Protein backbone atom coordinates (compact mmCIF):
# COMPACT_ATOMS: atom_id res chain seq x y z
CA MET A 1 34.04 -12.56 24.80
CA LYS A 2 33.86 -16.31 24.24
CA LYS A 3 30.25 -16.35 25.34
CA MET A 4 29.48 -13.51 22.91
CA LYS A 5 31.10 -15.42 20.02
CA ILE A 6 29.03 -18.51 20.85
CA THR A 7 25.89 -16.38 20.95
CA CYS A 8 26.69 -14.82 17.56
CA LEU A 9 27.41 -18.24 16.05
CA ALA A 10 24.18 -19.60 17.47
CA MET A 11 22.24 -16.67 16.01
CA CYS A 12 23.85 -17.13 12.59
CA ALA A 13 23.11 -20.86 12.72
CA PHE A 14 19.52 -20.14 13.70
CA LEU A 15 19.10 -17.67 10.84
CA PHE A 16 20.78 -20.01 8.35
CA TYR A 17 18.51 -22.88 9.42
CA ASN A 18 15.42 -20.74 9.16
CA CYS A 19 16.48 -19.37 5.75
CA THR A 20 17.10 -22.95 4.52
CA GLU A 21 13.75 -24.15 5.80
CA GLN A 22 12.07 -21.11 4.27
CA GLN A 23 13.76 -21.78 0.92
CA LYS A 24 12.35 -25.33 0.96
CA LYS A 25 8.87 -23.98 1.60
CA ASP A 26 9.31 -21.22 -0.99
CA ALA A 27 10.15 -23.76 -3.71
CA ASP A 28 6.51 -24.85 -3.86
CA LEU A 29 5.10 -21.33 -4.04
CA GLU A 30 4.09 -19.35 -7.08
CA ARG A 31 7.05 -17.06 -7.79
CA ILE A 32 6.62 -13.45 -8.85
CA ASP A 33 9.52 -11.80 -10.65
CA ILE A 34 9.09 -8.09 -10.09
CA HIS A 35 11.78 -7.24 -12.66
CA SER A 36 10.04 -9.08 -15.49
CA SER A 37 10.88 -7.39 -18.80
CA GLU A 38 7.85 -8.87 -20.57
CA LYS A 39 6.51 -6.17 -22.88
CA ILE A 40 2.79 -5.70 -23.41
CA ALA A 41 0.27 -2.94 -24.13
CA PHE A 42 -1.99 -1.75 -21.32
CA SER A 43 -5.10 -2.31 -23.47
CA GLU A 44 -4.08 -5.97 -23.94
CA LEU A 45 -3.87 -6.52 -20.17
CA PHE A 46 -6.98 -4.59 -19.17
CA SER A 47 -10.15 -4.42 -21.23
CA GLU A 48 -12.02 -1.84 -19.12
CA TYR A 49 -10.58 1.49 -18.04
CA SER A 50 -11.66 5.05 -17.35
CA LEU A 51 -10.30 8.24 -15.84
CA ILE A 52 -11.79 9.96 -12.80
CA PHE A 53 -11.04 13.67 -12.36
CA PRO A 54 -11.50 14.48 -8.64
CA GLU A 55 -13.00 17.92 -8.18
CA THR A 56 -10.47 20.46 -6.91
CA THR A 57 -11.49 22.84 -4.13
CA ASP A 58 -9.68 24.33 -1.13
CA SER A 59 -10.95 21.40 0.94
CA SER A 60 -10.51 18.57 -1.57
CA PHE A 61 -7.01 19.27 -2.95
CA PHE A 62 -4.66 16.33 -2.29
CA ALA A 63 -1.58 16.74 -4.54
CA GLU A 64 0.75 13.71 -4.01
CA ALA A 65 -0.40 12.73 -0.55
CA ILE A 66 -3.11 10.04 -1.03
CA THR A 67 -2.11 6.76 0.63
CA ARG A 68 -5.27 4.64 0.24
CA ILE A 69 -8.59 4.51 -1.61
CA GLU A 70 -11.67 2.72 -0.29
CA LYS A 71 -14.78 2.35 -2.45
CA TYR A 72 -18.15 1.79 -0.83
CA LYS A 73 -21.45 2.00 -2.67
CA ASP A 74 -21.22 5.03 -5.01
CA ARG A 75 -18.42 6.82 -3.18
CA LEU A 76 -14.62 6.85 -2.96
CA TYR A 77 -13.02 7.54 0.42
CA LEU A 78 -9.39 8.70 0.20
CA LEU A 79 -6.91 8.77 3.07
CA ASN A 80 -4.95 11.97 2.56
CA ARG A 81 -1.82 13.32 4.20
CA LYS A 82 -1.94 17.11 4.32
CA ALA A 83 1.66 17.08 3.08
CA LEU A 84 3.78 14.26 1.66
CA TRP A 85 5.64 13.49 4.91
CA SER A 86 3.08 14.93 7.31
CA LEU A 87 1.43 12.93 10.10
CA ASN A 88 -1.68 15.10 9.77
CA LYS A 89 -4.32 13.20 7.78
CA THR A 90 -7.81 13.80 6.51
CA ILE A 91 -10.44 11.67 4.78
CA LEU A 92 -11.70 13.02 1.46
CA CYS A 93 -14.94 11.70 0.01
CA PHE A 94 -15.81 11.91 -3.70
CA ASP A 95 -18.58 10.26 -5.65
CA THR A 96 -17.52 7.86 -8.39
CA THR A 97 -17.74 10.62 -11.01
CA GLY A 98 -15.20 12.72 -9.10
CA GLN A 99 -17.57 15.24 -7.49
CA PHE A 100 -16.37 16.28 -4.03
CA VAL A 101 -18.77 15.30 -1.21
CA PHE A 102 -17.06 16.16 2.08
CA MET A 103 -13.81 16.20 4.06
CA LEU A 104 -13.51 14.53 7.47
CA ASP A 105 -11.00 16.49 9.55
CA LYS A 106 -11.92 16.55 13.22
CA LYS A 107 -8.61 17.53 14.82
CA GLY A 108 -9.20 18.73 18.37
CA GLN A 109 -10.04 17.79 21.96
CA GLY A 110 -13.83 17.94 21.92
CA PRO A 111 -16.55 15.29 21.38
CA GLY A 112 -16.11 13.56 18.03
CA GLU A 113 -12.59 14.98 17.68
CA TYR A 114 -9.17 13.36 17.80
CA THR A 115 -5.58 14.51 18.15
CA PHE A 116 -4.20 11.82 15.82
CA LEU A 117 -5.69 9.89 12.91
CA ALA A 118 -3.76 6.62 12.49
CA ASP A 119 -6.06 5.00 9.92
CA PHE A 120 -9.72 4.52 9.00
CA PHE A 121 -11.96 1.83 7.58
CA ILE A 122 -15.53 1.45 6.36
CA ASP A 123 -17.67 -0.80 8.56
CA LYS A 124 -19.92 -2.22 5.85
CA LYS A 125 -22.08 -4.17 8.27
CA ASP A 126 -23.01 -1.08 10.30
CA ASN A 127 -22.64 1.42 7.42
CA CYS A 128 -20.23 3.81 9.11
CA ILE A 129 -16.72 5.25 8.95
CA VAL A 130 -14.42 4.26 11.81
CA ILE A 131 -11.35 6.34 12.61
CA ILE A 132 -8.50 4.78 14.55
CA GLY A 133 -7.49 7.51 16.97
CA GLU A 134 -5.13 7.89 19.90
CA SER A 135 -5.39 6.36 23.41
CA ASN A 136 -7.16 3.21 22.19
CA LYS A 137 -10.10 5.24 20.87
CA TRP A 138 -12.16 4.31 17.81
CA LEU A 139 -14.43 7.12 16.61
CA TYR A 140 -17.54 6.28 14.58
CA TYR A 141 -19.11 8.59 11.95
CA ASP A 142 -21.94 8.08 9.50
CA LEU A 143 -21.19 7.86 5.78
CA ASP A 144 -21.63 11.64 5.45
CA GLY A 145 -18.97 12.34 8.08
CA ASN A 146 -21.28 13.13 11.02
CA TYR A 147 -20.03 11.99 14.45
CA LEU A 148 -21.91 9.11 16.10
CA TYR A 149 -19.99 7.77 19.13
CA THR A 150 -16.61 6.58 20.45
CA LYS A 151 -15.50 3.15 21.69
CA THR A 152 -12.37 2.03 23.53
CA VAL A 153 -10.43 -0.91 22.12
CA ASP A 154 -8.46 -3.55 24.05
CA GLN A 155 -5.00 -2.35 25.17
CA GLU A 156 -3.35 -5.26 23.31
CA ALA A 157 -4.57 -3.88 19.98
CA ARG A 158 -3.19 -0.41 20.57
CA TYR A 159 -1.27 1.44 17.82
CA GLU A 160 -2.97 -0.43 15.03
CA ARG A 161 -2.26 0.73 11.49
CA PHE A 162 -4.79 -1.45 9.70
CA VAL A 163 -8.29 -2.53 10.73
CA ARG A 164 -10.91 -4.23 8.56
CA GLU A 165 -13.98 -6.38 8.97
CA PHE A 166 -12.70 -9.95 9.05
CA ASN A 167 -16.16 -11.56 9.22
CA ASP A 168 -19.48 -10.98 10.98
CA SER A 169 -17.93 -11.43 14.42
CA LEU A 170 -14.32 -10.26 14.10
CA TYR A 171 -12.15 -7.37 12.99
CA VAL A 172 -8.53 -7.94 12.01
CA CYS A 173 -5.85 -5.36 12.71
CA TYR A 174 -2.10 -4.93 12.30
CA ARG A 175 0.04 -3.40 15.03
CA GLU A 176 3.04 -1.34 14.03
CA SER A 177 4.85 -1.99 17.32
CA GLY A 178 5.05 -4.71 19.95
CA SER A 179 5.51 -8.48 19.77
CA TYR A 180 2.23 -9.24 18.03
CA GLY A 181 1.67 -7.97 14.51
CA ILE A 182 -1.78 -9.43 13.80
CA CYS A 183 -4.74 -9.19 16.18
CA TYR A 184 -8.27 -10.52 15.79
CA ILE A 185 -10.79 -8.39 17.67
CA ASP A 186 -14.31 -9.25 18.78
CA ARG A 187 -16.67 -6.87 16.99
CA ALA A 188 -19.05 -6.51 19.92
CA THR A 189 -16.59 -6.00 22.79
CA LEU A 190 -13.47 -4.80 20.91
CA GLN A 191 -11.47 -7.27 23.01
CA VAL A 192 -8.62 -9.22 21.37
CA LYS A 193 -9.68 -12.82 20.74
CA ARG A 194 -6.29 -14.00 19.47
CA SER A 195 -3.05 -12.59 18.11
CA ALA A 196 -0.07 -13.72 16.06
CA PRO A 197 3.62 -12.76 16.20
CA ILE A 198 5.12 -10.33 13.70
CA GLY A 199 7.16 -12.97 11.87
CA HIS A 200 10.77 -12.53 10.78
CA PRO A 201 12.70 -10.98 13.72
CA ILE A 202 15.20 -9.00 11.61
CA LEU A 203 13.54 -8.32 8.28
CA HIS A 204 10.49 -6.94 10.08
CA GLU A 205 12.42 -3.66 9.88
CA PHE A 206 11.70 -3.65 6.13
CA THR A 207 7.97 -4.26 6.21
CA PRO A 208 5.65 -1.43 5.19
CA SER A 209 3.92 0.40 8.03
CA ILE A 210 0.72 -1.37 6.99
CA SER A 211 1.61 -5.02 6.43
CA ILE A 212 -1.87 -6.42 5.85
CA SER A 213 -3.93 -5.75 2.75
CA ASN A 214 -7.50 -6.78 2.02
CA SER A 215 -8.81 -7.35 -1.48
CA GLN A 216 -11.64 -9.43 -2.96
CA GLY A 217 -12.33 -10.82 0.53
CA THR A 218 -8.76 -12.10 0.93
CA PHE A 219 -6.35 -10.81 3.56
CA TYR A 220 -2.65 -10.78 2.64
CA TYR A 221 0.20 -10.38 5.10
CA TYR A 222 3.84 -9.49 4.40
CA ASP A 223 6.54 -9.80 7.10
CA GLY A 224 9.66 -8.77 5.18
CA SER A 225 10.77 -12.30 4.28
CA ASP A 226 9.77 -11.97 0.59
CA VAL A 227 6.88 -14.35 1.17
CA ILE A 228 3.29 -13.10 1.00
CA TYR A 229 0.80 -14.96 3.18
CA ASP A 230 -2.94 -15.48 3.00
CA ILE A 231 -4.38 -15.06 6.52
CA SER A 232 -8.03 -15.34 5.55
CA SER A 233 -8.82 -18.54 7.46
CA VAL A 234 -11.01 -18.25 10.55
CA GLU A 235 -8.24 -19.93 12.56
CA GLY A 236 -5.80 -17.17 11.66
CA GLU A 237 -3.43 -19.52 9.80
CA LYS A 238 -0.57 -17.88 7.86
CA LYS A 239 -0.69 -19.70 4.54
CA PRO A 240 2.24 -18.82 2.20
CA VAL A 241 0.93 -18.13 -1.31
CA TYR A 242 3.53 -16.10 -3.24
CA ALA A 243 7.32 -15.92 -3.18
CA VAL A 244 8.48 -12.56 -4.48
CA ASP A 245 11.79 -12.44 -6.35
CA TYR A 246 13.18 -8.97 -5.71
CA GLY A 247 16.42 -9.76 -7.54
CA GLU A 248 20.01 -10.69 -6.74
CA LYS A 249 20.95 -7.37 -5.16
CA HIS A 250 18.16 -7.55 -2.65
CA SER A 251 18.97 -11.20 -1.84
CA ALA A 252 22.60 -10.29 -1.20
CA PHE A 253 21.47 -7.46 1.04
CA LYS A 254 19.38 -9.82 3.17
CA LYS A 255 22.27 -12.28 3.51
CA ASN A 256 24.49 -9.49 4.81
CA LEU A 257 22.11 -9.05 7.72
CA THR A 258 23.26 -12.40 9.12
CA LYS A 259 26.93 -11.39 8.96
CA THR A 260 26.91 -8.09 10.79
CA LYS A 261 26.99 -7.11 14.43
CA ASN A 262 25.30 -3.82 13.69
CA ASN A 263 21.98 -4.35 11.92
CA ASP A 264 21.14 -0.66 12.07
CA GLU A 265 24.29 0.15 10.11
CA ILE A 266 23.73 -2.48 7.42
CA ILE A 267 20.09 -1.43 7.08
CA PHE A 268 21.11 2.18 6.49
CA GLN A 269 23.88 1.23 4.08
CA GLY A 270 21.59 -1.13 2.19
CA PHE A 271 18.94 1.45 1.50
CA ALA A 272 21.58 4.07 0.71
CA LYS A 273 22.74 1.74 -2.09
CA GLY A 274 19.24 1.50 -3.46
CA GLU A 275 17.50 -1.60 -2.15
CA ILE A 276 13.85 -2.14 -2.99
CA SER A 277 11.17 -1.12 -0.52
CA PRO A 278 7.70 -2.71 -0.85
CA THR A 279 4.82 -0.39 -0.06
CA ALA A 280 1.66 -1.13 1.81
CA HIS A 281 -0.71 -2.55 -0.80
CA PHE A 282 -1.03 -6.14 -2.03
CA LEU A 283 -4.20 -6.14 -4.12
CA ASP A 284 -6.09 -8.86 -5.97
CA ASN A 285 -8.87 -8.13 -8.46
CA GLY A 286 -9.54 -11.81 -9.21
CA LYS A 287 -7.39 -11.96 -12.34
CA PHE A 288 -4.26 -10.10 -11.26
CA PHE A 289 -2.32 -9.93 -8.01
CA ALA A 290 -0.70 -6.48 -7.94
CA PHE A 291 1.62 -4.59 -5.64
CA ASN A 292 3.66 -1.40 -5.59
CA TYR A 293 7.28 -0.95 -4.59
CA LEU A 294 9.84 1.83 -4.48
CA GLU A 295 13.25 1.59 -6.07
CA TYR A 296 16.25 3.87 -5.66
CA ASP A 297 16.46 6.30 -8.58
CA SER A 298 20.19 5.98 -9.29
CA GLU A 299 20.16 8.29 -12.32
CA TYR A 300 18.39 11.15 -10.55
CA ASN A 301 20.41 10.80 -7.33
CA ARG A 302 23.66 10.79 -9.31
CA LYS A 303 22.73 14.09 -10.95
CA ASN A 304 21.12 15.52 -7.79
CA PRO A 305 22.91 14.00 -4.76
CA PRO A 306 20.65 14.17 -1.66
CA SER A 307 21.98 16.12 1.29
CA LYS A 308 22.70 14.43 4.59
CA ASP A 309 19.21 15.16 5.93
CA ASP A 310 17.30 14.38 2.71
CA LEU A 311 15.82 11.08 1.60
CA PRO A 312 17.12 9.85 -1.77
CA ALA A 313 14.78 10.03 -4.75
CA THR A 314 12.84 6.86 -5.58
CA ILE A 315 10.85 5.50 -8.51
CA SER A 316 7.45 3.93 -7.94
CA HIS A 317 6.69 0.74 -9.87
CA THR A 318 3.82 -1.74 -9.92
CA THR A 319 4.02 -5.43 -10.78
CA PHE A 320 0.91 -7.28 -12.05
CA TYR A 321 0.98 -11.06 -11.67
CA ASP A 322 -1.46 -12.85 -13.97
CA LYS A 323 -2.84 -15.66 -11.79
CA LYS A 324 -3.86 -17.75 -14.81
CA THR A 325 -0.81 -17.49 -17.08
CA LYS A 326 1.69 -17.12 -14.16
CA LYS A 327 3.35 -14.21 -15.98
CA SER A 328 4.46 -10.96 -14.37
CA TYR A 329 4.25 -7.50 -15.92
CA ASN A 330 6.08 -4.46 -14.58
CA THR A 331 4.85 -0.94 -15.31
CA ALA A 332 8.40 -0.12 -16.47
CA HIS A 333 7.73 -2.30 -19.52
CA ILE A 334 4.00 -1.75 -20.06
CA ASN A 335 3.11 0.42 -23.04
CA PHE A 336 0.33 2.68 -21.76
CA ASP A 337 -1.17 2.91 -25.22
CA ILE A 338 -4.38 4.44 -23.88
CA PHE A 339 -2.28 7.54 -23.15
CA ASN A 340 -0.84 7.50 -26.68
CA GLY A 341 2.78 6.84 -25.71
CA VAL A 342 3.11 9.07 -22.62
CA ASN A 343 5.21 7.19 -20.06
CA ILE A 344 2.90 6.75 -17.07
CA ASP A 345 5.56 4.88 -15.10
CA LYS A 346 7.41 8.18 -14.78
CA LYS A 347 4.28 9.84 -13.38
CA LYS A 348 4.45 8.15 -9.96
CA MET A 349 1.42 5.96 -10.54
CA ALA A 350 0.46 3.91 -7.47
CA ILE A 351 -2.40 1.43 -7.09
CA LEU A 352 -4.12 2.40 -3.85
CA GLY A 353 -7.39 0.50 -3.91
CA CYS A 354 -9.35 -2.40 -5.37
CA ALA A 355 -13.12 -2.94 -5.37
CA ASP A 356 -15.65 -4.79 -7.52
CA GLY A 357 -12.84 -6.22 -9.64
CA TYR A 358 -11.41 -2.76 -10.45
CA PHE A 359 -8.03 -1.36 -9.48
CA TYR A 360 -7.88 2.31 -8.49
CA ALA A 361 -4.56 4.05 -9.14
CA VAL A 362 -3.53 7.64 -8.57
CA ILE A 363 -1.35 9.21 -11.28
CA GLN A 364 0.39 11.61 -8.93
CA ASP A 365 2.35 13.81 -11.34
CA LEU A 366 0.35 16.14 -13.54
CA PHE A 367 0.65 15.98 -17.31
CA SER A 368 2.43 18.79 -19.11
CA SER A 369 0.58 20.74 -21.80
CA ASP A 370 2.59 18.90 -24.48
CA GLU A 371 1.68 15.52 -22.96
CA ILE A 372 -2.00 16.45 -22.87
CA LYS A 373 -1.85 17.40 -26.55
CA GLN A 374 -0.41 13.95 -27.23
CA ILE A 375 -2.91 12.10 -25.02
CA ILE A 376 -6.03 13.68 -26.54
CA LYS A 377 -5.09 12.09 -29.86
CA SER A 378 -5.56 8.65 -28.28
CA LYS A 379 -8.14 6.42 -29.95
CA TYR A 380 -8.86 4.75 -26.60
CA LEU A 381 -10.30 7.76 -24.73
CA ASP A 382 -13.75 9.23 -25.20
CA GLU A 383 -14.39 12.87 -26.01
CA THR A 384 -15.60 13.74 -22.48
CA THR A 385 -12.33 12.46 -21.01
CA LYS A 386 -10.29 14.44 -23.53
CA GLN A 387 -12.18 17.64 -22.69
CA SER A 388 -11.56 17.06 -18.98
CA LEU A 389 -7.84 16.67 -19.68
CA LEU A 390 -7.79 19.96 -21.57
CA LYS A 391 -9.31 21.74 -18.54
CA MET A 392 -6.54 20.61 -16.18
CA ASP A 393 -3.97 23.08 -14.85
CA ASP A 394 -1.23 23.24 -12.21
CA ASP A 395 -3.81 23.53 -9.44
CA SER A 396 -5.79 20.44 -10.44
CA ASN A 397 -6.01 17.28 -8.37
CA PRO A 398 -4.18 14.20 -9.71
CA ILE A 399 -6.14 11.81 -11.91
CA ILE A 400 -7.49 8.46 -10.70
CA LEU A 401 -7.22 5.59 -13.22
CA LYS A 402 -9.87 2.89 -12.80
CA PHE A 403 -9.29 -0.36 -14.67
CA LYS A 404 -9.69 -4.14 -14.78
């Protein structure tokens, strides 16, 4: 018992020391207040914007299940879950006007098929789509979805949930399990050249399943410690760049982790009380650094208490950090004037991609007929967009908002 007490004290001391050291480092970082109540109109923040209406067919319908958007050349590639909580995924390809091009869904045991799609990326050097499959297999397809070949990746990089081109000679990937979170892979051999540990030993439980994000040539990494790192250097250095202020409640929640003997219990209790959960995207369009997060919807859950087996309802928010003015703007306080007063923050808008200086966001909830009548009176939207809105119905795909 005495030995156990000493061990617990040593662990608490270790965590306290590391938190203190981290606080000293954080003091010099640019701080992002996600709860900023700064009010501003959308048209004041972003000067260019347009709506994309993805064509709806039996093959292209995606409802609320898009988790990522990649733009390459004149096409958008969307990673789609077949259902909101399903592990079955497909890749949907649209052109930039919203016309459906093809669906990549090769579930099976034969050549060019896979039993599990973990993730995908566009190899821009070799002009192909690469699917991260099971059993260390990477499957290569041309940009029209035709199968090319399969390669086997190094065992150390298994179970990756993020792979991108790091430079002409390396890929970078993030592992969801194991001791090493970041791996750098030789492009030619697919052997791991170097790897880095996951970071914070306790708060790693709160990291998104994809903890690296790539935007404007910069790779960001988040390990649950409320610090966002730039890992873009060739040496793989983790350079802290932003300290994210999630608020007093979240800070108190993290401190409680150092006082409990049952981390699983405190984790469950914390999220049951509505702690904030960052999602997988940290995107930079050159002017703004933006990221999404989920917050417990206390009002809805009070009126509609979740059952024991149900997840509580959450609200999706996005914070935009202006890199020049150092101000933060939360979608909860942005007036989406281009939609003539309709509250887009209540429509589950999530930014899922960034390319060529543009953000790409999916507005997941459809507009009601009354909201459409209100939106088409907007002075900010052209007539073609208004006509497309009038054609929408309950079976339409969600809208993609493109802006910068």
